[in-house]
Structure formats: C-alpha cells, structure tokens
Amino acid sequence: FLKTGQVSMPMGVSGQAGKAKPITGIVLREGSEVSRDDRSGSVLAEILLGKSADPTPVLATFTSPWPLAKGGLFDVECRDASTGDGAFLTVSKSKGGKTIDDLPKSFFVDSLFSSTGR
C-alpha cells in the first residue's frame, strides 16, 4: 500500500482491512480441494448441500479465465489480482424449484451483493 498507494485488489474483500470472511454458504467436502485446470480454466469443487446432519454431496464446476484465489477469505473463487475481477461460487436457500429466469432481480442483489456476501 505504501509503495503504490493502492491495495492489491481494489474493492475486494482482501483489500478491505477488517472485513470478515464472506458468507457464501459453501461447505467443502472433507478431504477435497478446489482445483482449476490451467489449460481449460475449469474450476472443480466438491461441496455439501442441505442439512448438516444429512448433507448431499455435489460436484460443482465453472470456467474462469483467472487463477484460483488462495487464503482464508476464499472458498471457491478465482481472481485477477491486477483488476480485482473475479468469479465465485455461492449457495442460496432453496427457491422451491424455480429456474434462474423465474427469480426476481432482487434475488441476485440480495444474495450476491449483501453486506455479508462476496
């Protein structure tokens, strides 16, 4: 910061001192690791959904041009350190079988941009 006058990831969680780890709803399956194929950009994560007493394992994947973000503030996330651009995985409560097209715009604002979210 003192050298450049900027944080490494502007407006990102790691660039905001004192902000707590975001609540993304991600629970990684024990013993698994998030991975990204450098050639294809495919990100792969084994997560658990549902009740903690009887979770359902899910293999989640997406493609990102950025490398995996590492550290205690990140669950499943890729970031460009030079711009702060990123892609991340988050889990919401069940919406009763609605598709993405059926959800109101407020769902995305409330879920993705909440003060406790990413």
C-alpha atoms as a PDB file:
ATOM      1  CA  PHE A   1       0.000   0.000   0.000  1.00  0.00           C
ATOM      2  CA  LEU A   2       2.668   2.498   0.898  1.00  0.00           C
ATOM      3  CA  LYS A   3       4.633   1.809  -2.263  1.00  0.00           C
ATOM      4  CA  THR A   4       1.808   2.176  -4.807  1.00  0.00           C
ATOM      5  CA  GLY A   5      -0.937   3.970  -2.917  1.00  0.00           C
ATOM      6  CA  GLN A   6      -3.383   1.184  -3.777  1.00  0.00           C
ATOM      7  CA  VAL A   7      -4.391  -2.145  -2.355  1.00  0.00           C
ATOM      8  CA  SER A   8      -3.712  -5.215  -4.455  1.00  0.00           C
ATOM      9  CA  MET A   9      -7.393  -5.999  -5.055  1.00  0.00           C
ATOM     10  CA  PRO A  10      -9.433  -2.786  -5.116  1.00  0.00           C
ATOM     11  CA  MET A  11     -12.843  -3.128  -3.507  1.00  0.00           C
ATOM     12  CA  GLY A  12     -12.265  -6.830  -2.979  1.00  0.00           C
ATOM     13  CA  VAL A  13     -12.578  -8.396   0.433  1.00  0.00           C
ATOM     14  CA  SER A  14      -8.843  -8.860   0.812  1.00  0.00           C
ATOM     15  CA  GLY A  15      -8.361  -5.179   0.003  1.00  0.00           C
ATOM     16  CA  GLN A  16     -10.678  -4.042   2.773  1.00  0.00           C
ATOM     17  CA  ALA A  17      -8.950  -4.257   6.118  1.00  0.00           C
ATOM     18  CA  GLY A  18     -11.103  -5.566   8.918  1.00  0.00           C
ATOM     19  CA  LYS A  19     -13.862  -7.094   6.808  1.00  0.00           C
ATOM     20  CA  ALA A  20     -14.889 -10.571   7.921  1.00  0.00           C
ATOM     21  CA  LYS A  21     -14.838 -13.647   5.700  1.00  0.00           C
ATOM     22  CA  PRO A  22     -17.841 -13.505   3.361  1.00  0.00           C
ATOM     23  CA  ILE A  23     -20.749 -15.868   3.957  1.00  0.00           C
ATOM     24  CA  THR A  24     -21.096 -17.776   0.689  1.00  0.00           C
ATOM     25  CA  GLY A  25     -22.901 -20.858   2.023  1.00  0.00           C
ATOM     26  CA  ILE A  26     -20.111 -23.065   0.679  1.00  0.00           C
ATOM     27  CA  VAL A  27     -19.227 -26.166   2.675  1.00  0.00           C
ATOM     28  CA  LEU A  28     -16.381 -28.080   1.079  1.00  0.00           C
ATOM     29  CA  ARG A  29     -16.473 -31.853   1.338  1.00  0.00           C
ATOM     30  CA  GLU A  30     -13.919 -33.027   3.903  1.00  0.00           C
ATOM     31  CA  GLY A  31     -10.693 -34.152   2.276  1.00  0.00           C
ATOM     32  CA  SER A  32     -11.424 -32.424  -1.026  1.00  0.00           C
ATOM     33  CA  GLU A  33      -9.676 -29.434  -2.551  1.00  0.00           C
ATOM     34  CA  VAL A  34     -10.815 -26.840  -5.045  1.00  0.00           C
ATOM     35  CA  SER A  35      -8.935 -27.230  -8.323  1.00  0.00           C
ATOM     36  CA  ARG A  36      -8.571 -25.359 -11.610  1.00  0.00           C
ATOM     37  CA  ASP A  37      -7.209 -26.701 -14.884  1.00  0.00           C
ATOM     38  CA  ASP A  38      -4.781 -24.084 -16.231  1.00  0.00           C
ATOM     39  CA  ARG A  39      -5.398 -25.064 -19.859  1.00  0.00           C
ATOM     40  CA  SER A  40      -9.214 -25.032 -19.905  1.00  0.00           C
ATOM     41  CA  GLY A  41      -9.931 -22.747 -16.936  1.00  0.00           C
ATOM     42  CA  SER A  42     -12.342 -25.345 -15.485  1.00  0.00           C
ATOM     43  CA  VAL A  43     -12.802 -24.963 -11.743  1.00  0.00           C
ATOM     44  CA  LEU A  44     -13.967 -28.016  -9.794  1.00  0.00           C
ATOM     45  CA  ALA A  45     -15.176 -28.216  -6.189  1.00  0.00           C
ATOM     46  CA  GLU A  46     -16.873 -30.901  -4.116  1.00  0.00           C
ATOM     47  CA  ILE A  47     -19.401 -29.149  -1.892  1.00  0.00           C
ATOM     48  CA  LEU A  48     -22.098 -30.289   0.519  1.00  0.00           C
ATOM     49  CA  LEU A  49     -25.679 -29.037   0.322  1.00  0.00           C
ATOM     50  CA  GLY A  50     -28.644 -29.429   2.633  1.00  0.00           C
ATOM     51  CA  LYS A  51     -28.823 -30.135   6.318  1.00  0.00           C
ATOM     52  CA  SER A  52     -25.569 -30.773   8.147  1.00  0.00           C
ATOM     53  CA  ALA A  53     -26.991 -33.990   9.629  1.00  0.00           C
ATOM     54  CA  ASP A  54     -27.592 -35.463   6.157  1.00  0.00           C
ATOM     55  CA  PRO A  55     -25.741 -33.412   3.515  1.00  0.00           C
ATOM     56  CA  THR A  56     -25.884 -34.080  -0.217  1.00  0.00           C
ATOM     57  CA  PRO A  57     -22.509 -34.084  -1.995  1.00  0.00           C
ATOM     58  CA  VAL A  58     -22.444 -32.048  -5.218  1.00  0.00           C
ATOM     59  CA  LEU A  59     -19.687 -31.699  -7.782  1.00  0.00           C
ATOM     60  CA  ALA A  60     -19.776 -28.047  -8.854  1.00  0.00           C
ATOM     61  CA  THR A  61     -17.871 -26.656 -11.810  1.00  0.00           C
ATOM     62  CA  PHE A  62     -17.492 -23.415 -13.739  1.00  0.00           C
ATOM     63  CA  THR A  63     -14.965 -21.898 -16.110  1.00  0.00           C
ATOM     64  CA  SER A  64     -12.850 -18.870 -15.270  1.00  0.00           C
ATOM     65  CA  PRO A  65     -10.002 -17.082 -17.045  1.00  0.00           C
ATOM     66  CA  TRP A  66      -8.463 -16.152 -13.663  1.00  0.00           C
ATOM     67  CA  PRO A  67      -6.387 -18.279 -11.265  1.00  0.00           C
ATOM     68  CA  LEU A  68      -7.784 -19.676  -8.019  1.00  0.00           C
ATOM     69  CA  ALA A  69      -7.769 -17.253  -5.133  1.00  0.00           C
ATOM     70  CA  LYS A  70      -5.906 -18.726  -2.178  1.00  0.00           C
ATOM     71  CA  GLY A  71      -6.168 -17.913   1.504  1.00  0.00           C
ATOM     72  CA  GLY A  72      -8.544 -17.904   4.421  1.00  0.00           C
ATOM     73  CA  LEU A  73     -11.020 -15.473   2.860  1.00  0.00           C
ATOM     74  CA  PHE A  74     -11.776 -17.626  -0.175  1.00  0.00           C
ATOM     75  CA  ASP A  75     -13.941 -20.731  -0.575  1.00  0.00           C
ATOM     76  CA  VAL A  76     -14.355 -21.317  -4.323  1.00  0.00           C
ATOM     77  CA  GLU A  77     -13.144 -18.211  -6.087  1.00  0.00           C
ATOM     78  CA  CYS A  78     -10.952 -17.088  -8.961  1.00  0.00           C
ATOM     79  CA  ARG A  79      -9.467 -13.578  -9.099  1.00  0.00           C
ATOM     80  CA  ASP A  80      -7.400 -11.323 -11.284  1.00  0.00           C
ATOM     81  CA  ALA A  81      -5.042  -9.661  -8.806  1.00  0.00           C
ATOM     82  CA  SER A  82      -4.366  -6.722 -11.124  1.00  0.00           C
ATOM     83  CA  THR A  83      -8.013  -5.692 -11.650  1.00  0.00           C
ATOM     84  CA  GLY A  84      -9.956  -7.284  -8.792  1.00  0.00           C
ATOM     85  CA  ASP A  85     -12.244  -9.024 -11.299  1.00  0.00           C
ATOM     86  CA  GLY A  86     -13.374 -12.427 -10.162  1.00  0.00           C
ATOM     87  CA  ALA A  87     -15.772 -15.334 -10.304  1.00  0.00           C
ATOM     88  CA  PHE A  88     -17.019 -17.227  -7.282  1.00  0.00           C
ATOM     89  CA  LEU A  89     -19.412 -19.923  -6.179  1.00  0.00           C
ATOM     90  CA  THR A  90     -22.164 -19.202  -3.679  1.00  0.00           C
ATOM     91  CA  VAL A  91     -25.112 -21.189  -2.338  1.00  0.00           C
ATOM     92  CA  SER A  92     -28.536 -19.773  -1.519  1.00  0.00           C
ATOM     93  CA  LYS A  93     -31.545 -21.206   0.260  1.00  0.00           C
ATOM     94  CA  SER A  94     -33.923 -23.281  -1.863  1.00  0.00           C
ATOM     95  CA  LYS A  95     -36.202 -21.250  -4.091  1.00  0.00           C
ATOM     96  CA  GLY A  96     -38.769 -24.002  -4.492  1.00  0.00           C
ATOM     97  CA  GLY A  97     -37.589 -25.364  -7.827  1.00  0.00           C
ATOM     98  CA  LYS A  98     -37.611 -22.004  -9.625  1.00  0.00           C
ATOM     99  CA  THR A  99     -35.241 -21.540 -12.527  1.00  0.00           C
ATOM    100  CA  ILE A 100     -32.873 -18.582 -12.787  1.00  0.00           C
ATOM    101  CA  ASP A 101     -35.297 -16.975 -15.242  1.00  0.00           C
ATOM    102  CA  ASP A 102     -38.113 -17.208 -12.668  1.00  0.00           C
ATOM    103  CA  LEU A 103     -36.213 -15.386  -9.930  1.00  0.00           C
ATOM    104  CA  PRO A 104     -36.728 -11.644  -9.460  1.00  0.00           C
ATOM    105  CA  LYS A 105     -33.758  -9.319  -9.961  1.00  0.00           C
ATOM    106  CA  SER A 106     -33.855  -8.537  -6.236  1.00  0.00           C
ATOM    107  CA  PHE A 107     -32.795 -12.139  -5.523  1.00  0.00           C
ATOM    108  CA  PHE A 108     -29.411 -11.528  -7.143  1.00  0.00           C
ATOM    109  CA  VAL A 109     -28.909  -8.157  -5.496  1.00  0.00           C
ATOM    110  CA  ASP A 110     -29.864  -9.517  -2.076  1.00  0.00           C
ATOM    111  CA  SER A 111     -27.900 -12.776  -2.409  1.00  0.00           C
ATOM    112  CA  LEU A 112     -24.757 -11.745  -4.247  1.00  0.00           C
ATOM    113  CA  PHE A 113     -24.258  -8.219  -3.045  1.00  0.00           C
ATOM    114  CA  SER A 114     -25.327  -8.464   0.595  1.00  0.00           C
ATOM    115  CA  SER A 115     -23.106  -6.893   3.247  1.00  0.00           C
ATOM    116  CA  THR A 116     -22.039 -10.384   4.422  1.00  0.00           C
ATOM    117  CA  GLY A 117     -21.570 -11.785   0.918  1.00  0.00           C
ATOM    118  CA  ARG A 118     -18.807 -11.609  -1.611  1.00  0.00           C
END
